[in-house]
Protein backbone atom coordinates (compact mmCIF):
# COMPACT_ATOMS: atom_id res chain seq x y z
CA MET A 1 26.90 47.08 -6.97
CA ILE A 2 23.33 47.88 -5.97
CA ASN A 3 22.54 49.34 -9.41
CA MET A 4 23.86 46.18 -11.01
CA ASN A 5 21.56 44.02 -8.86
CA ILE A 6 18.55 46.15 -9.79
CA GLN A 7 19.41 45.93 -13.48
CA THR A 8 19.77 42.15 -13.23
CA GLU A 9 16.40 41.87 -11.48
CA LEU A 10 14.78 44.06 -14.12
CA LYS A 11 16.21 41.90 -16.89
CA GLU A 12 14.87 38.74 -15.23
CA THR A 13 11.45 40.34 -14.81
CA THR A 14 11.46 41.41 -18.45
CA LYS A 15 12.34 37.86 -19.54
CA THR A 16 9.43 36.50 -17.51
CA ASN A 17 7.08 39.13 -18.91
CA ASP A 18 8.24 38.36 -22.43
CA ARG A 19 7.72 34.65 -21.89
CA TRP A 20 4.08 35.11 -20.84
CA SER A 21 3.16 38.14 -22.91
CA GLY A 22 2.48 36.03 -26.02
CA LEU A 23 -0.02 33.89 -24.13
CA ALA A 24 -1.61 36.94 -22.53
CA ASP A 25 -1.99 38.61 -25.92
CA PHE A 26 -3.48 35.46 -27.42
CA LEU A 27 -6.00 35.07 -24.59
CA ALA A 28 -6.96 38.74 -24.80
CA ARG A 29 -7.59 38.44 -28.55
CA MET A 30 -9.63 35.24 -28.15
CA ILE A 31 -11.76 36.74 -25.37
CA GLU A 32 -12.29 39.87 -27.43
CA LYS A 33 -13.21 37.85 -30.50
CA TYR A 34 -15.40 35.15 -28.93
CA GLY A 35 -16.42 36.73 -25.63
CA GLU A 36 -19.77 37.97 -26.86
CA SER A 37 -20.75 34.63 -28.41
CA LEU A 38 -19.74 32.77 -25.24
CA GLY A 39 -22.04 34.94 -23.15
CA LEU A 40 -19.42 35.75 -20.54
CA ASP A 41 -21.46 38.72 -19.36
CA ASP A 42 -24.39 36.39 -18.62
CA LEU A 43 -22.42 34.19 -16.23
CA PRO A 44 -23.32 34.58 -12.56
CA THR A 45 -20.77 36.07 -10.24
CA PRO A 46 -18.71 33.46 -8.37
CA GLU A 47 -19.89 34.82 -5.00
CA TYR A 48 -23.50 34.21 -6.02
CA VAL A 49 -22.80 30.63 -7.07
CA TYR A 50 -20.74 29.97 -3.92
CA TYR A 51 -23.49 31.37 -1.69
CA PHE A 52 -26.17 29.14 -3.20
CA ALA A 53 -23.93 26.07 -3.16
CA LYS A 54 -23.22 26.63 0.53
CA ARG A 55 -26.91 27.23 1.23
CA ALA A 56 -27.84 23.98 -0.51
CA GLU A 57 -25.21 22.14 1.53
CA VAL A 58 -26.62 23.54 4.78
CA TYR A 59 -30.17 22.51 3.78
CA ARG A 60 -28.95 18.99 2.94
CA LYS A 61 -27.23 18.67 6.30
CA TYR A 62 -30.33 19.95 8.06
CA ALA A 63 -32.54 17.49 6.19
CA ASP A 64 -30.19 14.63 7.10
CA LEU A 65 -30.17 15.72 10.73
CA MET A 66 -33.97 15.86 10.84
CA ALA A 67 -34.25 12.47 9.12
CA ASN A 68 -31.86 10.93 11.66
CA LYS A 69 -33.76 12.55 14.51
CA GLU A 70 -37.07 11.09 13.29
CA THR A 71 -35.61 7.59 13.01
CA LYS A 72 -34.30 7.76 16.59
CA ASP A 73 -37.70 8.79 17.99
């Protein structure tokens, strides 16, 4: 009984893998073919972009706070 359940689970996993493997292969080929012309290696790392976006947000909030403080004085 247990072996049968494992085999059924493996078949379901294989069906899912087969369903998405065509898309995965297509994307891999497109990235391989056009990756260099897109300049994917030149893109900044997401952490770098996130850090600077957060830093800009903090500066904006600080500037707003200082502007509000000056208007109250």
